C-alpha atoms as a PDB file:
ATOM      1  CA  MET A   1      40.248  25.999  79.290  1.00  0.00           C
ATOM      2  CA  ASN A   2      37.184  26.307  77.100  1.00  0.00           C
ATOM      3  CA  VAL A   3      36.104  23.205  75.245  1.00  0.00           C
ATOM      4  CA  THR A   4      34.228  23.713  72.017  1.00  0.00           C
ATOM      5  CA  GLU A   5      33.204  20.412  70.488  1.00  0.00           C
ATOM      6  CA  ARG A   6      32.438  20.090  66.805  1.00  0.00           C
ATOM      7  CA  ARG A   7      30.183  17.301  65.594  1.00  0.00           C
ATOM      8  CA  ARG A   8      30.216  16.950  61.819  1.00  0.00           C
ATOM      9  CA  PRO A   9      28.494  14.633  59.341  1.00  0.00           C
ATOM     10  CA  SER A  10      30.183  11.298  58.723  1.00  0.00           C
ATOM     11  CA  THR A  11      30.541  12.261  55.068  1.00  0.00           C
ATOM     12  CA  TRP A  12      33.178  14.796  56.085  1.00  0.00           C
ATOM     13  CA  THR A  13      36.652  13.313  55.755  1.00  0.00           C
ATOM     14  CA  ARG A  14      38.833  16.056  57.204  1.00  0.00           C
ATOM     15  CA  PRO A  15      39.515  15.869  60.938  1.00  0.00           C
ATOM     16  CA  VAL A  16      38.374  18.665  63.213  1.00  0.00           C
ATOM     17  CA  PRO A  17      41.536  20.567  64.200  1.00  0.00           C
ATOM     18  CA  ARG A  18      42.709  22.038  67.434  1.00  0.00           C
ATOM     19  CA  ALA A  19      42.556  25.774  67.038  1.00  0.00           C
ATOM     20  CA  VAL A  20      43.866  28.837  68.796  1.00  0.00           C
ATOM     21  CA  PHE A  21      41.490  31.790  69.082  1.00  0.00           C
ATOM     22  CA  PRO A  22      42.037  35.271  70.559  1.00  0.00           C
ATOM     23  CA  LEU A  23      40.857  36.193  74.025  1.00  0.00           C
ATOM     24  CA  GLY A  24      39.323  39.578  73.327  1.00  0.00           C
ATOM     25  CA  THR A  25      37.681  41.118  70.307  1.00  0.00           C
ATOM     26  CA  LEU A  26      37.203  38.741  67.396  1.00  0.00           C
ATOM     27  CA  HIS A  27      37.665  40.447  64.053  1.00  0.00           C
ATOM     28  CA  VAL A  28      35.831  38.979  61.097  1.00  0.00           C
ATOM     29  CA  SER A  29      36.805  39.451  57.495  1.00  0.00           C
ATOM     30  CA  LEU A  30      33.808  40.188  55.288  1.00  0.00           C
ATOM     31  CA  GLY A  31      35.863  39.928  52.100  1.00  0.00           C
ATOM     32  CA  ASN A  32      36.004  36.948  49.769  1.00  0.00           C
ATOM     33  CA  ASP A  33      35.678  34.470  52.624  1.00  0.00           C
ATOM     34  CA  PRO A  34      33.300  35.968  55.180  1.00  0.00           C
ATOM     35  CA  ALA A  35      33.726  33.026  57.552  1.00  0.00           C
ATOM     36  CA  THR A  36      37.436  33.725  57.963  1.00  0.00           C
ATOM     37  CA  TYR A  37      38.294  35.243  61.287  1.00  0.00           C
ATOM     38  CA  VAL A  38      41.628  36.877  61.992  1.00  0.00           C
ATOM     39  CA  ALA A  39      43.437  36.686  65.302  1.00  0.00           C
ATOM     40  CA  CYS A  40      44.629  40.156  66.221  1.00  0.00           C
ATOM     41  CA  HIS A  41      45.277  39.989  69.958  1.00  0.00           C
ATOM     42  CA  HIS A  42      48.399  38.648  71.624  1.00  0.00           C
ATOM     43  CA  ASN A  43      46.487  36.868  74.416  1.00  0.00           C
ATOM     44  CA  PHE A  44      45.060  33.554  73.285  1.00  0.00           C
ATOM     45  CA  LEU A  45      42.415  31.142  74.430  1.00  0.00           C
ATOM     46  CA  LEU A  46      43.137  27.540  73.518  1.00  0.00           C
ATOM     47  CA  ALA A  47      39.951  25.885  72.304  1.00  0.00           C
ATOM     48  CA  SER A  48      40.302  22.124  72.047  1.00  0.00           C
ATOM     49  CA  CYS A  49      38.109  20.592  69.378  1.00  0.00           C
ATOM     50  CA  THR A  50      37.252  16.932  69.241  1.00  0.00           C
ATOM     51  CA  SER A  51      37.208  14.890  66.038  1.00  0.00           C
ATOM     52  CA  GLN A  52      34.320  12.804  67.354  1.00  0.00           C
ATOM     53  CA  GLU A  53      31.693  12.929  64.662  1.00  0.00           C
ATOM     54  CA  GLU A  54      27.918  12.966  64.872  1.00  0.00           C
ATOM     55  CA  PRO A  55      25.655  13.471  61.837  1.00  0.00           C
ATOM     56  CA  MET A  56      24.096  16.833  61.248  1.00  0.00           C
ATOM     57  CA  SER A  57      20.733  16.904  59.593  1.00  0.00           C
ATOM     58  CA  LYS A  58      20.756  16.890  55.808  1.00  0.00           C
ATOM     59  CA  VAL A  59      17.252  18.330  56.057  1.00  0.00           C
ATOM     60  CA  ASN A  60      18.670  21.416  57.778  1.00  0.00           C
ATOM     61  CA  ALA A  61      21.737  21.613  55.530  1.00  0.00           C
ATOM     62  CA  GLU A  62      20.652  24.894  53.941  1.00  0.00           C
ATOM     63  CA  GLN A  63      20.359  26.630  57.312  1.00  0.00           C
ATOM     64  CA  ILE A  64      23.611  25.080  58.535  1.00  0.00           C
ATOM     65  CA  ASP A  65      25.476  26.367  55.474  1.00  0.00           C
ATOM     66  CA  TYR A  66      23.822  29.770  55.830  1.00  0.00           C
ATOM     67  CA  TRP A  67      24.903  30.246  59.452  1.00  0.00           C
ATOM     68  CA  ASN A  68      28.433  29.036  58.726  1.00  0.00           C
ATOM     69  CA  GLY A  69      28.850  31.507  55.870  1.00  0.00           C
ATOM     70  CA  ARG A  70      28.328  35.233  55.603  1.00  0.00           C
ATOM     71  CA  ALA A  71      25.389  35.286  58.044  1.00  0.00           C
ATOM     72  CA  GLY A  72      27.394  33.807  60.910  1.00  0.00           C
ATOM     73  CA  ALA A  73      30.327  36.086  60.171  1.00  0.00           C
ATOM     74  CA  LYS A  74      28.105  39.152  60.178  1.00  0.00           C
ATOM     75  CA  TRP A  75      26.545  38.203  63.500  1.00  0.00           C
ATOM     76  CA  VAL A  76      30.024  37.881  65.000  1.00  0.00           C
ATOM     77  CA  ALA A  77      31.165  41.207  63.562  1.00  0.00           C
ATOM     78  CA  MET A  78      27.996  42.965  64.764  1.00  0.00           C
ATOM     79  CA  GLN A  79      27.609  41.061  68.022  1.00  0.00           C
ATOM     80  CA  ALA A  80      27.552  44.111  70.285  1.00  0.00           C
ATOM     81  CA  SER A  81      24.901  45.884  68.185  1.00  0.00           C
ATOM     82  CA  LEU A  82      22.752  42.754  67.984  1.00  0.00           C
ATOM     83  CA  ASP A  83      22.923  42.212  71.743  1.00  0.00           C
ATOM     84  CA  VAL A  84      21.616  45.758  72.187  1.00  0.00           C
ATOM     85  CA  MET A  85      18.948  45.223  69.536  1.00  0.00           C
ATOM     86  CA  LEU A  86      17.616  42.164  71.346  1.00  0.00           C
ATOM     87  CA  ALA A  87      18.169  43.418  74.908  1.00  0.00           C
ATOM     88  CA  ALA A  88      14.485  43.752  75.803  1.00  0.00           C
ATOM     89  CA  ALA A  89      13.730  40.220  74.613  1.00  0.00           C
ATOM     90  CA  THR A  90      16.765  38.954  76.509  1.00  0.00           C
ATOM     91  CA  ALA A  91      15.457  40.613  79.663  1.00  0.00           C
ATOM     92  CA  GLU A  92      12.075  38.892  79.198  1.00  0.00           C
ATOM     93  CA  LEU A  93      13.806  35.539  78.857  1.00  0.00           C
ATOM     94  CA  LYS A  94      15.949  36.089  81.947  1.00  0.00           C
ATOM     95  CA  ALA A  95      12.958  37.186  84.036  1.00  0.00           C
ATOM     96  CA  ARG A  96      10.879  34.169  82.992  1.00  0.00           C
ATOM     97  CA  ALA A  97      13.719  31.766  83.693  1.00  0.00           C
ATOM     98  CA  GLY A  98      13.913  32.882  87.321  1.00  0.00           C
ATOM     99  CA  SER A  99      16.612  31.359  89.479  1.00  0.00           C
ATOM    100  CA  VAL A 100      18.851  28.956  87.542  1.00  0.00           C
ATOM    101  CA  SER A 101      21.298  28.280  90.363  1.00  0.00           C
ATOM    102  CA  GLN A 102      22.623  24.707  90.221  1.00  0.00           C
ATOM    103  CA  LEU A 103      20.385  23.857  87.251  1.00  0.00           C
ATOM    104  CA  ARG A 104      21.612  22.070  84.149  1.00  0.00           C
ATOM    105  CA  VAL A 105      20.726  24.466  81.332  1.00  0.00           C
ATOM    106  CA  LEU A 106      20.767  23.787  77.597  1.00  0.00           C
ATOM    107  CA  ASP A 107      20.878  26.936  75.442  1.00  0.00           C
ATOM    108  CA  ILE A 108      19.724  26.168  71.880  1.00  0.00           C
ATOM    109  CA  GLY A 109      20.989  28.449  69.144  1.00  0.00           C
ATOM    110  CA  CYS A 110      23.289  30.077  71.683  1.00  0.00           C
ATOM    111  CA  GLY A 111      25.021  32.055  68.925  1.00  0.00           C
ATOM    112  CA  THR A 112      27.723  34.396  70.182  1.00  0.00           C
ATOM    113  CA  GLY A 113      27.041  33.453  73.783  1.00  0.00           C
ATOM    114  CA  GLU A 114      25.278  36.358  75.501  1.00  0.00           C
ATOM    115  CA  THR A 115      22.529  34.215  76.988  1.00  0.00           C
ATOM    116  CA  CYS A 116      25.060  31.570  78.018  1.00  0.00           C
ATOM    117  CA  THR A 117      26.827  34.207  80.120  1.00  0.00           C
ATOM    118  CA  ILE A 118      23.520  35.110  81.792  1.00  0.00           C
ATOM    119  CA  TRP A 119      22.870  31.529  82.881  1.00  0.00           C
ATOM    120  CA  LEU A 120      26.483  31.145  84.023  1.00  0.00           C
ATOM    121  CA  ASP A 121      26.221  34.307  86.101  1.00  0.00           C
ATOM    122  CA  GLY A 122      23.100  32.810  87.684  1.00  0.00           C
ATOM    123  CA  GLY A 123      25.021  29.757  88.829  1.00  0.00           C
ATOM    124  CA  ALA A 124      23.854  27.252  86.197  1.00  0.00           C
ATOM    125  CA  TYR A 125      25.797  24.464  84.535  1.00  0.00           C
ATOM    126  CA  VAL A 126      25.531  25.537  80.914  1.00  0.00           C
ATOM    127  CA  THR A 127      25.692  23.689  77.614  1.00  0.00           C
ATOM    128  CA  GLY A 128      25.329  25.830  74.514  1.00  0.00           C
ATOM    129  CA  VAL A 129      24.599  24.377  71.083  1.00  0.00           C
ATOM    130  CA  ASP A 130      24.627  26.011  67.680  1.00  0.00           C
ATOM    131  CA  VAL A 131      25.310  25.087  64.056  1.00  0.00           C
ATOM    132  CA  SER A 132      27.479  28.173  63.434  1.00  0.00           C
ATOM    133  CA  ALA A 133      31.192  27.639  63.977  1.00  0.00           C
ATOM    134  CA  PRO A 134      32.088  31.358  63.711  1.00  0.00           C
ATOM    135  CA  MET A 135      29.502  32.299  66.321  1.00  0.00           C
ATOM    136  CA  LEU A 136      30.623  29.554  68.692  1.00  0.00           C
ATOM    137  CA  VAL A 137      34.170  30.887  68.537  1.00  0.00           C
ATOM    138  CA  ARG A 138      32.891  34.202  69.878  1.00  0.00           C
ATOM    139  CA  ALA A 139      30.777  32.384  72.478  1.00  0.00           C
ATOM    140  CA  ALA A 140      33.892  30.532  73.651  1.00  0.00           C
ATOM    141  CA  GLU A 141      35.661  33.832  74.227  1.00  0.00           C
ATOM    142  CA  ARG A 142      32.767  35.291  76.173  1.00  0.00           C
ATOM    143  CA  THR A 143      32.155  32.274  78.404  1.00  0.00           C
ATOM    144  CA  GLN A 144      35.877  31.860  79.206  1.00  0.00           C
ATOM    145  CA  GLY A 145      35.852  28.124  79.617  1.00  0.00           C
ATOM    146  CA  LYS A 146      32.849  27.967  81.931  1.00  0.00           C
ATOM    147  CA  ALA A 147      30.317  26.571  79.416  1.00  0.00           C
ATOM    148  CA  ARG A 148      30.324  23.460  77.306  1.00  0.00           C
ATOM    149  CA  LEU A 149      29.823  24.557  73.706  1.00  0.00           C
ATOM    150  CA  LEU A 150      28.852  22.120  70.951  1.00  0.00           C
ATOM    151  CA  GLU A 151      28.589  22.639  67.211  1.00  0.00           C
ATOM    152  CA  VAL A 152      25.607  20.350  66.650  1.00  0.00           C
ATOM    153  CA  ASP A 153      22.163  20.376  65.085  1.00  0.00           C
ATOM    154  CA  ALA A 154      19.664  20.668  67.940  1.00  0.00           C
ATOM    155  CA  SER A 155      17.054  18.847  65.863  1.00  0.00           C
ATOM    156  CA  GLN A 156      19.177  15.679  66.073  1.00  0.00           C
ATOM    157  CA  TRP A 157      21.501  15.891  69.060  1.00  0.00           C
ATOM    158  CA  VAL A 158      20.489  14.258  72.339  1.00  0.00           C
ATOM    159  CA  ALA A 159      22.586  14.577  75.489  1.00  0.00           C
ATOM    160  CA  ASP A 160      23.508  11.639  77.671  1.00  0.00           C
ATOM    161  CA  THR A 161      21.637  13.251  80.578  1.00  0.00           C
ATOM    162  CA  PRO A 162      18.559  15.486  80.119  1.00  0.00           C
ATOM    163  CA  PHE A 163      18.489  19.077  81.323  1.00  0.00           C
ATOM    164  CA  ASP A 164      16.451  20.894  83.955  1.00  0.00           C
ATOM    165  CA  LEU A 165      15.859  23.851  81.627  1.00  0.00           C
ATOM    166  CA  VAL A 166      16.104  24.156  77.853  1.00  0.00           C
ATOM    167  CA  VAL A 167      16.118  27.766  76.734  1.00  0.00           C
ATOM    168  CA  SER A 168      16.509  29.703  73.490  1.00  0.00           C
ATOM    169  CA  ARG A 169      16.507  33.314  72.379  1.00  0.00           C
ATOM    170  CA  PHE A 170      15.244  33.282  68.786  1.00  0.00           C
ATOM    171  CA  GLY A 171      17.088  30.044  68.035  1.00  0.00           C
ATOM    172  CA  VAL A 172      14.355  27.483  67.332  1.00  0.00           C
ATOM    173  CA  MET A 173      12.557  28.881  64.265  1.00  0.00           C
ATOM    174  CA  PHE A 174      14.906  27.526  61.606  1.00  0.00           C
ATOM    175  CA  PHE A 175      14.164  23.794  61.586  1.00  0.00           C
ATOM    176  CA  ALA A 176      13.023  22.312  58.278  1.00  0.00           C
ATOM    177  CA  GLU A 177      11.040  19.689  60.208  1.00  0.00           C
ATOM    178  CA  PRO A 178       9.967  21.396  63.459  1.00  0.00           C
ATOM    179  CA  ASP A 179       7.702  18.543  64.598  1.00  0.00           C
ATOM    180  CA  GLN A 180      10.623  16.131  64.672  1.00  0.00           C
ATOM    181  CA  ALA A 181      12.990  18.792  66.003  1.00  0.00           C
ATOM    182  CA  PHE A 182      10.847  19.504  69.056  1.00  0.00           C
ATOM    183  CA  MET A 183      10.504  15.797  69.784  1.00  0.00           C
ATOM    184  CA  THR A 184      14.299  15.710  69.940  1.00  0.00           C
ATOM    185  CA  ILE A 185      14.343  18.832  72.104  1.00  0.00           C
ATOM    186  CA  ALA A 186      11.816  17.200  74.443  1.00  0.00           C
ATOM    187  CA  ALA A 187      14.184  14.264  74.824  1.00  0.00           C
ATOM    188  CA  ASN A 188      16.736  16.732  76.198  1.00  0.00           C
ATOM    189  CA  VAL A 189      14.379  17.935  78.952  1.00  0.00           C
ATOM    190  CA  ARG A 190      14.018  15.819  82.076  1.00  0.00           C
ATOM    191  CA  PRO A 191      10.461  14.798  83.019  1.00  0.00           C
ATOM    192  CA  GLY A 192       8.954  17.800  84.745  1.00  0.00           C
ATOM    193  CA  GLY A 193      11.705  20.048  83.379  1.00  0.00           C
ATOM    194  CA  ARG A 194      11.063  23.308  81.558  1.00  0.00           C
ATOM    195  CA  LEU A 195      11.252  24.644  78.027  1.00  0.00           C
ATOM    196  CA  LEU A 196      11.489  28.426  77.630  1.00  0.00           C
ATOM    197  CA  PHE A 197      12.092  30.421  74.453  1.00  0.00           C
ATOM    198  CA  THR A 198      11.303  33.566  72.524  1.00  0.00           C
ATOM    199  CA  CYS A 199      10.301  33.747  68.862  1.00  0.00           C
ATOM    200  CA  TRP A 200       8.890  36.444  66.592  1.00  0.00           C
ATOM    201  CA  ARG A 201       5.218  37.012  65.917  1.00  0.00           C
ATOM    202  CA  GLN A 202       4.103  37.906  62.387  1.00  0.00           C
ATOM    203  CA  VAL A 203       6.053  40.405  60.304  1.00  0.00           C
ATOM    204  CA  ALA A 204       3.098  42.815  60.208  1.00  0.00           C
ATOM    205  CA  ASP A 205       3.292  43.181  63.993  1.00  0.00           C
ATOM    206  CA  ASN A 206       7.043  43.835  63.982  1.00  0.00           C
ATOM    207  CA  GLN A 207       7.654  47.473  63.176  1.00  0.00           C
ATOM    208  CA  TRP A 208      11.445  46.992  63.160  1.00  0.00           C
ATOM    209  CA  ALA A 209      11.040  44.543  60.253  1.00  0.00           C
ATOM    210  CA  ASN A 210       8.077  45.830  58.240  1.00  0.00           C
ATOM    211  CA  THR A 211       8.929  49.550  58.276  1.00  0.00           C
ATOM    212  CA  PRO A 212      12.285  49.168  56.499  1.00  0.00           C
ATOM    213  CA  LEU A 213      10.885  46.509  54.166  1.00  0.00           C
ATOM    214  CA  SER A 214       8.031  48.762  53.085  1.00  0.00           C
ATOM    215  CA  ALA A 215      10.498  51.537  52.272  1.00  0.00           C
ATOM    216  CA  ILE A 216      12.594  49.439  49.886  1.00  0.00           C
ATOM    217  CA  ARG A 217      10.006  47.050  48.458  1.00  0.00           C
ATOM    218  CA  SER A 218       9.457  49.010  45.233  1.00  0.00           C
ATOM    219  CA  LEU A 219      13.183  48.829  44.451  1.00  0.00           C
ATOM    220  CA  LEU A 220      13.156  45.052  44.277  1.00  0.00           C
ATOM    221  CA  PRO A 221      11.718  42.588  41.773  1.00  0.00           C
ATOM    222  CA  GLU A 222       8.463  40.988  42.813  1.00  0.00           C
ATOM    223  CA  VAL A 223       8.945  37.504  44.175  1.00  0.00           C
ATOM    224  CA  PRO A 224       6.335  35.204  45.684  1.00  0.00           C
ATOM    225  CA  PRO A 225       6.402  35.281  49.475  1.00  0.00           C
ATOM    226  CA  PRO A 226       7.738  32.166  51.195  1.00  0.00           C
ATOM    227  CA  PRO A 227       5.232  29.796  52.769  1.00  0.00           C
ATOM    228  CA  PRO A 228       4.189  31.202  56.165  1.00  0.00           C
ATOM    229  CA  ASP A 229       5.555  28.136  57.957  1.00  0.00           C
ATOM    230  CA  ALA A 230       8.907  28.096  56.107  1.00  0.00           C
ATOM    231  CA  PRO A 231      12.042  27.968  58.290  1.00  0.00           C
ATOM    232  CA  GLY A 232      13.078  31.474  59.224  1.00  0.00           C
ATOM    233  CA  PRO A 233      12.606  34.208  61.829  1.00  0.00           C
ATOM    234  CA  PHE A 234       8.797  34.277  61.553  1.00  0.00           C
ATOM    235  CA  ALA A 235       8.170  30.536  61.225  1.00  0.00           C
ATOM    236  CA  PHE A 236       6.230  30.400  64.507  1.00  0.00           C
ATOM    237  CA  ALA A 237       4.045  33.453  63.968  1.00  0.00           C
ATOM    238  CA  ASN A 238       1.025  31.128  64.058  1.00  0.00           C
ATOM    239  CA  LYS A 239       0.361  30.529  67.750  1.00  0.00           C
ATOM    240  CA  ASP A 240      -1.971  27.571  67.178  1.00  0.00           C
ATOM    241  CA  ARG A 241       0.576  25.793  65.007  1.00  0.00           C
ATOM    242  CA  LEU A 242       3.275  26.339  67.598  1.00  0.00           C
ATOM    243  CA  ALA A 243       1.084  24.994  70.395  1.00  0.00           C
ATOM    244  CA  ARG A 244       0.278  21.886  68.334  1.00  0.00           C
ATOM    245  CA  ILE A 245       3.964  21.198  67.695  1.00  0.00           C
ATOM    246  CA  LEU A 246       4.817  21.474  71.384  1.00  0.00           C
ATOM    247  CA  LEU A 247       1.899  19.326  72.514  1.00  0.00           C
ATOM    248  CA  GLN A 248       2.727  16.648  69.968  1.00  0.00           C
ATOM    249  CA  ALA A 249       6.369  16.670  71.110  1.00  0.00           C
ATOM    250  CA  GLY A 250       5.371  15.777  74.661  1.00  0.00           C
ATOM    251  CA  PHE A 251       5.130  19.145  76.399  1.00  0.00           C
ATOM    252  CA  ALA A 252       2.361  20.184  78.779  1.00  0.00           C
ATOM    253  CA  ASP A 253       1.323  23.354  80.626  1.00  0.00           C
ATOM    254  CA  ILE A 254       2.038  25.285  77.423  1.00  0.00           C
ATOM    255  CA  VAL A 255       1.866  29.080  77.708  1.00  0.00           C
ATOM    256  CA  ILE A 256       2.419  31.233  74.606  1.00  0.00           C
ATOM    257  CA  GLU A 257       2.241  34.858  75.654  1.00  0.00           C
ATOM    258  CA  PRO A 258       2.453  37.857  73.296  1.00  0.00           C
ATOM    259  CA  ARG A 259       4.842  40.557  74.382  1.00  0.00           C
ATOM    260  CA  ASP A 260       5.585  43.895  72.751  1.00  0.00           C
ATOM    261  CA  VAL A 261       9.221  44.904  73.189  1.00  0.00           C
ATOM    262  CA  PRO A 262      11.392  47.776  71.963  1.00  0.00           C
ATOM    263  CA  ILE A 263      13.910  46.825  69.300  1.00  0.00           C
ATOM    264  CA  CYS A 264      16.889  49.170  69.344  1.00  0.00           C
ATOM    265  CA  LEU A 265      18.455  49.402  65.892  1.00  0.00           C
ATOM    266  CA  ALA A 266      21.072  51.860  67.150  1.00  0.00           C
ATOM    267  CA  CYS A 267      21.995  52.808  70.711  1.00  0.00           C
ATOM    268  CA  GLU A 268      24.240  55.544  69.321  1.00  0.00           C
ATOM    269  CA  GLY A 269      25.095  56.898  65.911  1.00  0.00           C
ATOM    270  CA  GLY A 270      21.511  57.633  64.905  1.00  0.00           C
ATOM    271  CA  VAL A 271      20.052  56.666  61.549  1.00  0.00           C
ATOM    272  CA  GLU A 272      23.458  56.027  59.959  1.00  0.00           C
ATOM    273  CA  ALA A 273      24.162  53.267  62.463  1.00  0.00           C
ATOM    274  CA  ALA A 274      20.597  51.935  62.218  1.00  0.00           C
ATOM    275  CA  VAL A 275      20.752  51.735  58.423  1.00  0.00           C
ATOM    276  CA  THR A 276      24.055  49.873  58.630  1.00  0.00           C
ATOM    277  CA  LEU A 277      22.479  47.277  60.900  1.00  0.00           C
ATOM    278  CA  VAL A 278      19.285  46.937  58.854  1.00  0.00           C
ATOM    279  CA  MET A 279      21.268  46.428  55.638  1.00  0.00           C
ATOM    280  CA  GLN A 280      23.483  43.772  57.205  1.00  0.00           C
ATOM    281  CA  VAL A 281      21.054  41.543  59.146  1.00  0.00           C
ATOM    282  CA  GLY A 282      17.332  40.856  59.141  1.00  0.00           C
ATOM    283  CA  PRO A 283      14.573  40.817  56.521  1.00  0.00           C
ATOM    284  CA  SER A 284      15.687  43.940  54.653  1.00  0.00           C
ATOM    285  CA  ALA A 285      19.231  42.646  54.389  1.00  0.00           C
ATOM    286  CA  ALA A 286      17.923  39.373  52.975  1.00  0.00           C
ATOM    287  CA  ALA A 287      15.765  41.231  50.451  1.00  0.00           C
ATOM    288  CA  LEU A 288      18.744  43.309  49.300  1.00  0.00           C
ATOM    289  CA  ALA A 289      21.212  40.420  49.176  1.00  0.00           C
ATOM    290  CA  GLY A 290      21.231  40.152  45.382  1.00  0.00           C
ATOM    291  CA  ALA A 291      20.729  43.843  44.609  1.00  0.00           C
ATOM    292  CA  SER A 292      23.216  45.979  42.719  1.00  0.00           C
ATOM    293  CA  ASP A 293      25.330  48.619  44.416  1.00  0.00           C
ATOM    294  CA  ASP A 294      23.170  51.325  42.831  1.00  0.00           C
ATOM    295  CA  VAL A 295      19.995  49.816  44.238  1.00  0.00           C
ATOM    296  CA  LYS A 296      21.598  49.422  47.658  1.00  0.00           C
ATOM    297  CA  ALA A 297      22.635  53.086  47.609  1.00  0.00           C
ATOM    298  CA  ILE A 298      19.061  54.179  46.878  1.00  0.00           C
ATOM    299  CA  ALA A 299      17.789  51.784  49.534  1.00  0.00           C
ATOM    300  CA  ALA A 300      20.137  53.307  52.106  1.00  0.00           C
ATOM    301  CA  GLU A 301      18.736  56.776  51.446  1.00  0.00           C
ATOM    302  CA  ARG A 302      15.154  55.539  51.725  1.00  0.00           C
ATOM    303  CA  LEU A 303      15.967  53.763  54.970  1.00  0.00           C
ATOM    304  CA  LYS A 304      17.487  56.918  56.411  1.00  0.00           C
ATOM    305  CA  THR A 305      14.305  58.805  55.603  1.00  0.00           C
ATOM    306  CA  VAL A 306      11.935  56.217  57.047  1.00  0.00           C
ATOM    307  CA  LEU A 307      13.989  55.672  60.222  1.00  0.00           C
ATOM    308  CA  GLU A 308      14.625  59.340  61.034  1.00  0.00           C
ATOM    309  CA  PRO A 309      11.288  59.795  62.889  1.00  0.00           C
ATOM    310  CA  PHE A 310      12.417  57.080  65.317  1.00  0.00           C
ATOM    311  CA  ASN A 311      15.736  58.799  66.025  1.00  0.00           C
ATOM    312  CA  LYS A 312      15.860  60.244  69.549  1.00  0.00           C
ATOM    313  CA  ASP A 313      19.242  61.778  70.350  1.00  0.00           C
ATOM    314  CA  GLY A 314      21.095  59.165  68.326  1.00  0.00           C
ATOM    315  CA  VAL A 315      19.040  56.203  69.590  1.00  0.00           C
ATOM    316  CA  VAL A 316      16.799  54.523  67.011  1.00  0.00           C
ATOM    317  CA  THR A 317      14.097  52.260  68.476  1.00  0.00           C
ATOM    318  CA  LEU A 318      11.139  50.582  66.766  1.00  0.00           C
ATOM    319  CA  GLY A 319       8.474  48.216  68.009  1.00  0.00           C
ATOM    320  CA  GLY A 320       8.929  44.474  68.212  1.00  0.00           C
ATOM    321  CA  ALA A 321       6.385  41.688  68.722  1.00  0.00           C
ATOM    322  CA  ILE A 322       7.405  38.347  70.193  1.00  0.00           C
ATOM    323  CA  TRP A 323       6.011  35.208  71.734  1.00  0.00           C
ATOM    324  CA  VAL A 324       7.402  34.185  75.107  1.00  0.00           C
ATOM    325  CA  VAL A 325       6.856  30.439  75.232  1.00  0.00           C
ATOM    326  CA  GLU A 326       6.926  28.264  78.334  1.00  0.00           C
ATOM    327  CA  ALA A 327       6.154  24.581  78.692  1.00  0.00           C
ATOM    328  CA  ARG A 328       6.875  21.611  80.907  1.00  0.00           C
ATOM    329  CA  ARG A 329       8.052  18.217  79.769  1.00  0.00           C
ATOM    330  CA  SER A 330       5.312  15.695  80.528  1.00  0.00           C
ATOM    331  CA  GLY A 331       6.176  13.347  83.358  1.00  0.00           C
ATOM    332  CA  PRO A 332       6.712  13.449  87.120  1.00  0.00           C
ATOM    333  CA  LYS A 333       8.240  16.619  88.547  1.00  0.00           C
ATOM    334  CA  CYS A 334      11.468  15.318  90.020  1.00  0.00           C
ATOM    335  CA  ARG A 335      14.987  16.680  90.458  1.00  0.00           C
END
C-alpha cells in the first residue's frame, strides 16, 4: 500500500482525508477546476493520508499555490510528454548518481515520480517530496507503494534521519529564500553524504525556451523582465551565485558543470504536438497565460513556423543548457 503523507499549515482547519486513487492512467480535468482529477479505472490504489500537520512556508506560498493549481494539473496530464522532453537531463542525473543500492535517497521536487522510480529500480530506499498534491497522486501510482511520498515544502521540512543522497531534477529553483532553503536541505544530508541536482542555465542558452519566446514576443504587451534571481526555472543561471549558496549552506567539493542536452518537444506528432506542449508548459505558456484566444491562435501559427525546421520525421528537438550540480555535505565521510 502506498502512503502519501500530506503536511499542511496549522492555519488549515480541514482534516486531510483518506482518498482512493486509480491504479493506471490518471485523467485530469482542465475545466473550471484544473486540480480536479477524475477516477476512470476500476482498479484502485488506496492512498492513506495522515492528518499530521507541519507548516508550509508562507514565503513560498505563491509557488505552492501555483503547483497545486493549473500548473500541477497540466504536468499530470502531460506527464508522458514531459518525461520525454527531459529524458536527456534525467539520463545525466542517473549517470552521475551511480549505484544507489541500499542508499537512503531523498528526491526533492519529485513531481509525478519518474526519478523516484529510477532510484527504486536501483535498489534505494526512496522518499519523494513535493508541494503539488496532484503530481504526488500520479507519483503514488507510478511507485506502487514502494516510495514514501510527502507533500511538504523542502525549504522547511527536515527528516528524522538524514539521507545518503539528496537528488533533484529541476526541483530546487523555486524557493523564495534559497539561502535558507539550502541550509534546510543540507540538514537532510548526512555528513559526507551527497547532493546532486540539475537546473537550467540562462534562457539565452536554452534554444527550447528562447526560440518559441522570440517568435511570440511581439504579440504580447511589454512587461519588465523579472529579477534574474527570482524564483523560477532559470533562478540558478548564475553559477557563482549558486556556488555561494551551496558553500554557505555547508556543502563542500562543489562541482557545477555545464551540459548541453537535447530537449525533445515532441517524440511523435511533429510540430502540432510540439506547439501543444510549448503552449501548455514552460516560458511561452507563461507569457501567453493572459492572452486572448485570438492572440493564442496567432501565436500557435508562429510557433508552427519557427519549430518546423527542427521537425525530423515527426520528432521535434531543440537545444537545452543545464547545470549538473554535485556537492558533499561537510563532515566526516561515514555510513
